[in-house]
Protein backbone atom coordinates (compact mmCIF):
# COMPACT_ATOMS: atom_id res chain seq x y z
CA UNK A 1 68.10 155.44 -59.08
CA UNK A 2 67.34 158.69 -60.88
CA UNK A 3 65.04 161.28 -59.36
CA UNK A 4 61.76 161.18 -61.35
CA UNK A 5 60.97 164.82 -60.66
CA UNK A 6 64.40 165.98 -61.83
CA UNK A 7 64.13 163.89 -65.01
CA UNK A 8 60.61 165.21 -65.63
CA UNK A 9 61.90 168.75 -65.10
CA UNK A 10 64.55 168.08 -67.76
CA UNK A 11 61.75 166.97 -70.08
CA UNK A 12 59.70 170.10 -69.38
CA UNK A 13 62.72 172.33 -70.01
CA UNK A 14 63.41 170.53 -73.29
CA UNK A 15 59.85 171.33 -74.41
CA UNK A 16 60.23 174.97 -73.32
CA UNK A 17 63.46 175.33 -75.33
CA UNK A 18 61.79 173.74 -78.36
CA UNK A 19 58.82 176.09 -78.13
CA UNK A 20 61.12 179.07 -77.61
CA UNK A 21 62.88 178.32 -80.90
CA UNK A 22 60.00 176.95 -82.98
CA UNK A 23 57.58 179.78 -82.18
CA UNK A 24 60.16 182.31 -83.32
CA UNK A 25 60.73 180.70 -86.72
CA UNK A 26 57.62 181.88 -88.57
CA UNK A 27 56.38 185.46 -88.68
CA UNK A 28 53.26 185.57 -86.51
CA UNK A 29 51.41 188.39 -84.76
CA UNK A 30 49.94 185.84 -82.36
CA UNK A 31 53.41 184.67 -81.31
CA UNK A 32 54.49 188.29 -80.86
CA UNK A 33 51.50 188.78 -78.56
CA UNK A 34 52.37 185.61 -76.60
CA UNK A 35 55.98 186.67 -76.13
CA UNK A 36 54.91 190.02 -74.73
CA UNK A 37 52.33 188.50 -72.36
CA UNK A 38 52.88 186.74 -68.98
CA UNK A 39 52.51 183.45 -70.89
CA UNK A 40 55.98 183.97 -72.38
CA UNK A 41 57.51 182.27 -69.33
CA UNK A 42 56.32 178.94 -70.75
CA UNK A 43 58.22 179.62 -73.99
CA UNK A 44 61.31 181.27 -72.53
CA UNK A 45 64.34 179.19 -73.48
CA UNK A 46 66.66 181.30 -71.34
CA UNK A 47 64.73 180.36 -68.18
CA UNK A 48 64.92 176.68 -69.17
CA UNK A 49 68.69 176.93 -69.65
CA UNK A 50 69.08 178.37 -66.13
CA UNK A 51 67.26 175.30 -64.82
CA UNK A 52 69.61 173.06 -66.81
CA UNK A 53 72.51 174.96 -65.20
CA UNK A 54 71.03 174.37 -61.74
CA UNK A 55 70.50 170.65 -62.36
CA UNK A 56 74.10 170.26 -63.55
CA UNK A 57 75.45 172.41 -60.74
CA UNK A 58 73.93 170.54 -57.80
CA UNK A 59 75.57 167.28 -58.85
CA UNK A 60 79.06 168.78 -58.83
CA UNK A 61 79.04 168.87 -55.03
CA UNK A 62 81.04 166.01 -53.53
CA UNK A 63 82.11 165.57 -49.91
CA UNK A 64 84.97 163.25 -50.84
CA UNK A 65 88.45 164.63 -51.33
CA UNK A 66 89.23 165.12 -55.02
CA UNK A 67 91.78 162.63 -56.33
CA UNK A 68 93.53 162.66 -59.69
CA UNK A 69 92.01 159.34 -60.78
CA UNK A 70 88.50 160.40 -59.72
CA UNK A 71 88.87 163.72 -61.53
CA UNK A 72 90.08 162.11 -64.77
CA UNK A 73 87.36 159.44 -64.61
CA UNK A 74 84.78 162.19 -64.14
CA UNK A 75 86.07 164.00 -67.24
CA UNK A 76 85.99 160.75 -69.23
CA UNK A 77 82.40 160.06 -68.18
CA UNK A 78 81.30 163.55 -69.17
CA UNK A 79 83.10 163.32 -72.52
CA UNK A 80 81.42 160.00 -73.28
CA UNK A 81 78.06 161.52 -72.42
CA UNK A 82 78.48 164.80 -74.32
CA UNK A 83 80.64 164.18 -77.39
CA UNK A 84 79.12 161.16 -79.25
CA UNK A 85 75.58 162.65 -79.57
CA UNK A 86 77.10 166.02 -80.43
CA UNK A 87 79.38 164.64 -83.16
CA UNK A 88 76.53 162.63 -84.70
CA UNK A 89 74.27 165.69 -84.70
CA UNK A 90 77.03 167.94 -86.01
CA UNK A 91 77.79 165.61 -88.94
CA UNK A 92 74.09 165.37 -89.79
CA UNK A 93 73.82 169.16 -89.80
CA UNK A 94 76.86 169.53 -92.08
CA UNK A 95 75.42 167.00 -94.54
CA UNK A 96 72.13 168.91 -94.60
CA UNK A 97 73.84 172.28 -95.07
CA UNK A 98 76.24 171.11 -97.79
CA UNK A 99 74.18 168.59 -99.77
CA UNK A 100 70.45 169.27 -99.41
CA UNK A 101 68.12 172.12 -100.49
CA UNK A 102 67.29 172.98 -96.87
CA UNK A 103 68.01 176.67 -97.52
CA UNK A 104 65.62 176.89 -100.49
CA UNK A 105 62.62 178.36 -98.70
CA UNK A 106 60.59 181.55 -98.87
CA UNK A 107 62.33 183.95 -96.44
CA UNK A 108 59.29 186.25 -96.39
CA UNK A 109 57.44 183.65 -94.29
CA UNK A 110 60.12 183.53 -91.61
CA UNK A 111 61.54 185.94 -89.05
CA UNK A 112 64.81 187.78 -89.48
CA UNK A 113 66.27 185.68 -86.66
CA UNK A 114 65.19 182.47 -88.39
CA UNK A 115 66.73 183.61 -91.68
CA UNK A 116 70.10 184.34 -90.07
CA UNK A 117 71.28 180.70 -89.98
CA UNK A 118 72.91 178.28 -92.44
CA UNK A 119 74.12 180.69 -95.12
CA UNK A 120 77.49 179.12 -95.95
CA UNK A 121 78.91 175.70 -96.75
CA UNK A 122 80.97 174.03 -94.05
CA UNK A 123 84.55 172.90 -94.72
CA UNK A 124 86.66 170.39 -92.80
CA UNK A 125 88.52 173.07 -90.85
CA UNK A 126 85.28 174.58 -89.59
CA UNK A 127 83.89 171.13 -88.78
CA UNK A 128 86.94 170.33 -86.62
CA UNK A 129 86.69 173.69 -84.87
CA UNK A 130 83.00 173.15 -84.11
CA UNK A 131 83.55 169.53 -83.07
CA UNK A 132 86.16 170.46 -80.48
CA UNK A 133 83.61 172.60 -78.57
CA UNK A 134 86.37 174.48 -76.72
CA UNK A 135 88.15 176.07 -79.69
CA UNK A 136 87.00 179.60 -80.61
CA UNK A 137 83.98 179.17 -82.91
CA UNK A 138 80.66 180.60 -84.01
CA UNK A 139 77.97 178.05 -83.00
CA UNK A 140 75.43 179.74 -85.29
CA UNK A 141 77.23 178.43 -88.38
CA UNK A 142 76.06 174.85 -87.81
CA UNK A 143 74.36 174.13 -84.50
CA UNK A 144 73.35 177.33 -82.65
CA UNK A 145 72.27 175.66 -79.35
CA UNK A 146 75.75 174.15 -79.01
CA UNK A 147 76.93 177.31 -77.21
CA UNK A 148 75.58 175.55 -74.13
CA UNK A 149 78.09 172.72 -74.59
CA UNK A 150 80.99 175.15 -74.29
CA UNK A 151 79.67 176.05 -70.84
CA UNK A 152 79.18 172.40 -69.85
CA UNK A 153 82.65 171.33 -70.96
CA UNK A 154 84.30 174.24 -69.17
CA UNK A 155 82.33 173.44 -66.03
CA UNK A 156 83.14 169.73 -65.92
CA UNK A 157 86.81 170.68 -66.21
CA UNK A 158 86.69 173.44 -63.58
CA UNK A 159 83.90 172.71 -61.09
CA UNK A 160 85.45 169.63 -59.40
CA UNK A 161 88.55 171.75 -58.72
CA UNK A 162 86.48 174.72 -57.51
CA UNK A 163 84.44 172.50 -55.16
CA UNK A 164 87.67 170.90 -53.89
CA UNK A 165 89.11 174.36 -53.13
CA UNK A 166 85.93 175.41 -51.32
CA UNK A 167 85.92 172.17 -49.30
CA UNK A 168 89.62 172.48 -48.49
CA UNK A 169 89.52 176.16 -47.52
CA UNK A 170 86.05 177.44 -46.74
CA UNK A 171 82.77 177.85 -48.58
CA UNK A 172 82.91 181.47 -47.45
CA UNK A 173 85.28 181.83 -50.41
CA UNK A 174 82.17 181.57 -52.58
CA UNK A 175 81.29 185.13 -51.56
CA UNK A 176 84.58 186.35 -53.05
CA UNK A 177 83.82 184.55 -56.31
CA UNK A 178 80.34 186.09 -56.47
CA UNK A 179 81.68 189.58 -55.75
CA UNK A 180 84.37 189.11 -58.39
CA UNK A 181 81.76 188.10 -60.97
CA UNK A 182 79.77 191.26 -60.22
CA UNK A 183 82.81 193.49 -60.66
CA UNK A 184 84.61 191.77 -63.55
CA UNK A 185 82.62 191.36 -66.75
CA UNK A 186 83.93 187.91 -67.73
CA UNK A 187 81.31 185.32 -68.65
CA UNK A 188 83.20 182.28 -67.34
CA UNK A 189 83.49 183.83 -63.85
CA UNK A 190 79.75 184.53 -63.81
CA UNK A 191 79.03 180.97 -64.95
CA UNK A 192 81.33 179.58 -62.25
CA UNK A 193 79.30 181.63 -59.79
CA UNK A 194 76.07 180.07 -61.08
CA UNK A 195 77.32 176.50 -60.79
CA UNK A 196 79.04 177.15 -57.44
CA UNK A 197 75.81 178.46 -55.90
CA UNK A 198 74.03 175.31 -57.08
CA UNK A 199 76.79 173.12 -55.61
CA UNK A 200 76.66 175.07 -52.34
CA UNK A 201 72.90 174.54 -52.21
CA UNK A 202 73.48 170.78 -52.47
CA UNK A 203 76.05 171.03 -49.65
CA UNK A 204 73.43 172.71 -47.46
CA UNK A 205 70.86 170.05 -48.37
CA UNK A 206 73.37 167.33 -47.44
CA UNK A 207 74.58 168.92 -44.20
CA UNK A 208 71.32 170.36 -42.87
CA UNK A 209 68.49 167.86 -43.32
CA UNK A 210 65.89 170.39 -42.17
CA UNK A 211 66.44 172.30 -45.42
CA UNK A 212 65.32 169.32 -47.48
CA UNK A 213 62.33 168.98 -45.12
CA UNK A 214 61.40 172.63 -45.73
CA UNK A 215 61.57 172.11 -49.50
CA UNK A 216 59.40 169.03 -49.10
CA UNK A 217 56.74 170.64 -46.88
CA UNK A 218 56.51 174.05 -48.55
CA UNK A 219 56.96 172.92 -52.13
CA UNK A 220 54.19 174.99 -53.74
CA UNK A 221 55.07 178.37 -52.16
CA UNK A 222 58.73 177.71 -52.98
CA UNK A 223 57.86 176.81 -56.58
CA UNK A 224 55.99 180.11 -56.88
CA UNK A 225 58.96 182.04 -55.46
CA UNK A 226 61.26 180.18 -57.85
CA UNK A 227 59.12 181.07 -60.87
CA UNK A 228 58.96 184.74 -59.83
CA UNK A 229 62.76 184.91 -59.48
CA UNK A 230 63.25 183.02 -62.73
CA UNK A 231 61.12 185.63 -64.48
CA UNK A 232 62.74 188.63 -62.78
CA UNK A 233 64.53 190.00 -65.86
CA UNK A 234 61.30 190.11 -67.83
CA UNK A 235 59.35 191.66 -64.95
CA UNK A 236 61.92 194.40 -64.30
CA UNK A 237 63.06 194.68 -67.93
CA UNK A 238 66.64 194.79 -66.65
CA UNK A 239 69.53 192.50 -67.58
CA UNK A 240 72.70 192.49 -65.52
CA UNK A 241 74.75 190.21 -63.25
CA UNK A 242 72.46 190.80 -60.26
CA UNK A 243 69.28 189.81 -62.12
CA UNK A 244 71.17 186.86 -63.60
CA UNK A 245 71.98 185.62 -60.09
CA UNK A 246 68.36 186.14 -59.02
CA UNK A 247 67.26 184.02 -61.98
CA UNK A 248 69.78 181.36 -60.96
CA UNK A 249 68.43 181.38 -57.40
CA UNK A 250 64.95 180.91 -58.85
CA UNK A 251 66.15 177.97 -60.92
CA UNK A 252 67.92 176.41 -57.91
CA UNK A 253 64.75 176.82 -55.82
CA UNK A 254 62.70 174.96 -58.45
CA UNK A 255 65.33 172.24 -58.76
CA UNK A 256 65.54 172.00 -54.95
CA UNK A 257 61.79 171.40 -54.71
CA UNK A 258 62.04 168.64 -57.33
CA UNK A 259 65.07 167.11 -55.60
CA UNK A 260 63.28 167.03 -52.23
CA UNK A 261 60.03 165.71 -53.75
CA UNK A 262 61.19 162.86 -55.95
CA UNK A 263 57.70 161.99 -57.20
CA UNK A 264 56.27 165.50 -57.45
CA UNK A 265 56.38 165.29 -61.26
CA UNK A 266 56.31 161.61 -62.12
CA UNK A 267 54.84 161.49 -65.63
CA UNK A 268 56.37 158.56 -67.54
CA UNK A 269 56.30 160.56 -70.77
CA UNK A 270 58.15 163.48 -69.19
CA UNK A 271 60.67 161.13 -67.56
CA UNK A 272 61.33 159.48 -70.93
CA UNK A 273 61.72 162.88 -72.57
CA UNK A 274 64.05 163.87 -69.73
CA UNK A 275 66.16 160.80 -70.48
CA UNK A 276 66.70 162.02 -74.05
CA UNK A 277 66.60 165.75 -73.28
CA UNK A 278 70.26 166.28 -74.24
CA UNK A 279 69.84 164.60 -77.62
CA UNK A 280 66.55 166.45 -78.14
CA UNK A 281 68.23 169.77 -77.27
CA UNK A 282 70.87 169.14 -79.93
CA UNK A 283 68.72 167.81 -82.77
CA UNK A 284 65.59 169.97 -82.57
CA UNK A 285 67.21 173.07 -84.05
CA UNK A 286 68.54 171.11 -87.02
CA UNK A 287 65.04 169.76 -87.66
CA UNK A 288 63.53 173.24 -87.40
CA UNK A 289 65.98 174.67 -89.95
CA UNK A 290 66.01 171.74 -92.37
CA UNK A 291 62.21 171.44 -92.68
CA UNK A 292 61.55 175.12 -93.39
CA UNK A 293 61.26 174.62 -97.20
CA UNK A 294 58.37 172.17 -96.78
CA UNK A 295 55.91 174.20 -94.68
CA UNK A 296 53.88 177.37 -94.99
CA UNK A 297 51.68 176.75 -91.94
CA UNK A 298 53.51 177.44 -88.64
CA UNK A 299 51.35 175.13 -86.52
CA UNK A 300 51.75 172.00 -88.66
CA UNK A 301 55.45 172.89 -88.94
CA UNK A 302 55.87 173.00 -85.14
CA UNK A 303 53.97 169.74 -84.63
CA UNK A 304 55.88 167.79 -87.29
CA UNK A 305 59.22 169.20 -86.15
CA UNK A 306 58.47 168.14 -82.57
CA UNK A 307 57.58 164.59 -83.63
CA UNK A 308 60.61 164.26 -85.92
CA UNK A 309 62.89 165.66 -83.19
CA UNK A 310 61.59 163.11 -80.70
CA UNK A 311 62.18 160.25 -83.13
CA UNK A 312 65.70 161.35 -84.02
CA UNK A 313 66.56 161.96 -80.34
CA UNK A 314 65.56 158.41 -79.48
CA UNK A 315 67.56 157.12 -82.45
CA UNK A 316 70.70 159.03 -81.47
CA UNK A 317 70.35 157.83 -77.86
CA UNK A 318 69.98 154.23 -79.08
CA UNK A 319 73.04 154.45 -81.34
CA UNK A 320 75.19 156.04 -78.62
CA UNK A 321 74.10 153.44 -76.05
CA UNK A 322 74.98 150.72 -78.56
CA UNK A 323 78.44 152.21 -79.02
CA UNK A 324 78.96 152.33 -75.24
CA UNK A 325 77.92 148.69 -74.84
CA UNK A 326 80.63 147.72 -77.33
CA UNK A 327 83.27 149.50 -75.30
CA UNK A 328 84.91 147.83 -72.31
CA UNK A 329 86.66 149.79 -69.59
CA UNK A 330 89.03 148.13 -67.14
CA UNK A 331 87.62 150.05 -64.20
CA UNK A 332 83.94 149.28 -64.95
CA UNK A 333 83.17 152.85 -65.99
CA UNK A 334 79.44 153.54 -65.98
CA UNK A 335 77.88 156.61 -67.64
C-alpha cells in the first residue's frame, strides 16, 4: 500500500513545479515581487525537483543481494513506467509545434524565458533523439522538463549497482563518492551522490528503528529544518556543490517526515494528484506553451492551463494503464 503522505507530497511538488513555470510565462511586476520575497519557496520548481530526487532515491535501497534477473526486471518496470507517458506527450508536442498556430502569439506579453521555446519544426531524426532520453539532445526544443527524465533513466540503470557495491563493501564508501563529487565537476557524479544519500537514509531508517520514531515524534521541527535547508541557496545567494547537498539533505528530511508519518498529509485530492504527478509534470509545459496565443490575462491563463493539464494527465494515465492491462508478462510483472 502506498504511503499517503509521500503521494500527497508528490502532488504538492507537482503544483509547485506548475506554478514555477506558469508564473514565469507572462510579464508581471507582481510575479517579480513574489519571486524576490520569502514566498518564492512555494513557487520554486528547483526545490520541488530535489524532493522528487529524494523520493526516488529512498526507494533504491534494497537489503537483498542484487541478481541479474532482479536488476533487469527493475529496469523493465521503470521503462514501462517512464517511456509510454513520455512518448505520448512527446508526440503531442511535436504535432502542436509542426501543425498548429501555437507560436502565433504576442511576444511582448511574455517573458524572454517564455519566448525562448518552440522556434523550429521537429523532424524525425530529432524526434528519435528526444524519444531515446539518453542520446545527446536539447530538451528545450520540444519538452523542456524532460531533462529530469535523463537523470531518472541514468539513476535506474546505475543506482541498483551502486547500492549493491555499498552493501557488498561498506557504506563508508559513500563518503568517497561525496568527496569525489565535490572535487570533480561532473553532474552525474553529483546526482549519484544525491540519490545515494537518500538510499543511505532509507538504510538507516530500516536498520535503526529509533530514527523513524524521531521523525514521527519531532515531525514539525524537522519539517522546519528541512524547509530551511531546502531554501539555503536562496538565503545565502550561493550555488555550488555544498549548497546543493544541503538542499538535498533538506529534501530528504521532508521526505523522511512524510515516510514516518504516513497520514500526515492525507488529502484525497493531493493523493490523486500525486498518482498522476509524473504525467502532470510532462504535460503541463506543453499546455502552457500551446495556449499562449489565446490569453492576454495571466491569471485566467494559469487557471485554465492547470485545469487542462489535470485533464490531460488523467487521460494519459488512463491510456497507459489500458495499454499495460493488454500486456501479459510471464513473470507477473507489476508496475
